[in-house]
Protein backbone atom coordinates (compact mmCIF):
# COMPACT_ATOMS: atom_id res chain seq x y z
CA UNK A 1 14.80 0.70 0.73
CA UNK A 2 14.39 -3.01 1.08
CA UNK A 3 11.50 -4.31 1.55
CA UNK A 4 11.02 -5.63 5.43
CA UNK A 5 8.78 -9.20 4.42
CA UNK A 6 9.21 -10.61 1.29
CA UNK A 7 6.29 -12.21 1.83
CA UNK A 8 4.21 -9.08 1.51
CA UNK A 9 4.13 -7.68 -1.80
CA UNK A 10 5.57 -4.15 -3.04
CA UNK A 11 3.19 -3.78 -5.91
CA UNK A 12 0.29 -1.63 -5.84
CA UNK A 13 -2.87 -3.30 -7.33
CA UNK A 14 -1.85 -6.04 -5.25
CA UNK A 15 -1.51 -4.18 -2.04
CA UNK A 16 -4.99 -2.12 -2.56
CA UNK A 17 -5.99 -5.76 -3.75
CA UNK A 18 -5.42 -7.34 -0.02
CA UNK A 19 -6.44 -4.23 1.57
CA UNK A 20 -10.25 -4.00 -0.11
CA UNK A 21 -10.54 -7.48 -0.53
CA UNK A 22 -9.26 -8.46 3.37
CA UNK A 23 -10.90 -11.34 5.10
CA UNK A 24 -12.99 -9.18 8.60
CA UNK A 25 -10.35 -10.93 10.62
CA UNK A 26 -7.57 -8.66 9.22
CA UNK A 27 -10.14 -6.05 9.39
CA UNK A 28 -10.10 -5.43 12.05
CA UNK A 29 -6.63 -4.93 12.81
CA UNK A 30 -6.23 -2.88 9.72
CA UNK A 31 -9.77 -0.58 11.74
CA UNK A 32 -6.92 -0.06 14.95
CA UNK A 33 -7.05 4.14 16.02
CA UNK A 34 -3.73 5.95 17.59
CA UNK A 35 -4.11 6.10 21.76
CA UNK A 36 -4.05 8.88 23.37
CA UNK A 37 -1.13 10.51 25.46
CA UNK A 38 -2.54 9.66 28.43
CA UNK A 39 -3.76 5.84 27.06
CA UNK A 40 -0.51 5.94 25.60
CA UNK A 41 2.34 5.56 28.30
CA UNK A 42 -1.02 3.37 30.28
CA UNK A 43 -0.40 0.72 27.98
CA UNK A 44 3.22 0.77 25.92
CA UNK A 45 1.09 0.63 22.57
CA UNK A 46 0.84 3.42 20.02
CA UNK A 47 -2.59 1.99 18.71
CA UNK A 48 -5.59 -0.77 19.62
CA UNK A 49 -8.12 -2.36 17.11
CA UNK A 50 -11.56 -0.21 17.42
CA UNK A 51 -14.54 -1.21 19.42
CA UNK A 52 -17.93 -1.16 20.52
CA UNK A 53 -18.44 0.62 23.95
CA UNK A 54 -14.80 2.63 23.13
CA UNK A 55 -14.75 6.65 23.79
CA UNK A 56 -13.85 8.20 20.16
CA UNK A 57 -12.61 11.42 19.41
CA UNK A 58 -12.96 12.28 15.46
CA UNK A 59 -9.81 13.81 14.04
CA UNK A 60 -10.85 14.42 10.35
CA UNK A 61 -14.14 15.98 8.52
CA UNK A 62 -16.98 18.03 9.64
CA UNK A 63 -17.34 16.27 12.89
CA UNK A 64 -14.10 16.86 13.92
CA UNK A 65 -13.43 17.47 17.73
CA UNK A 66 -16.38 16.15 19.10
CA UNK A 67 -16.18 12.92 20.88
CA UNK A 68 -18.55 10.31 21.39
CA UNK A 69 -18.45 6.48 21.93
CA UNK A 70 -18.37 3.79 19.03
CA UNK A 71 -22.20 2.07 18.85
CA UNK A 72 -21.02 -0.01 16.48
CA UNK A 73 -18.02 -1.48 14.26
CA UNK A 74 -19.60 -2.04 11.27
CA UNK A 75 -15.96 -4.13 9.25
CA UNK A 76 -17.40 -4.46 6.04
CA UNK A 77 -17.77 -0.83 4.75
CA UNK A 78 -14.68 0.16 7.18
CA UNK A 79 -17.10 2.74 9.00
CA UNK A 80 -17.50 2.87 12.93
CA UNK A 81 -21.25 4.15 13.97
CA UNK A 82 -20.68 6.90 16.87
CA UNK A 83 -22.84 7.83 19.37
CA UNK A 84 -25.16 10.98 19.08
CA UNK A 85 -23.36 11.18 15.72
């Protein structure tokens, strides 16, 4: 399979380094969340960067299925804080 972009490396080591040392403005894009089916139809996109005051549903972990409002997006630690969780 051919590379999609010549400016992005295929090397696992370089990709991991780029991911974990990414600046805040790049982390914003990397910390995107998929939209629900009805919102996907409304806006015509599959995912959007997560931000404060968004309504979210947890899909992984011990809080799976719980819903809440995003209180804080902590990009440095790759974490989002959700109200009442």
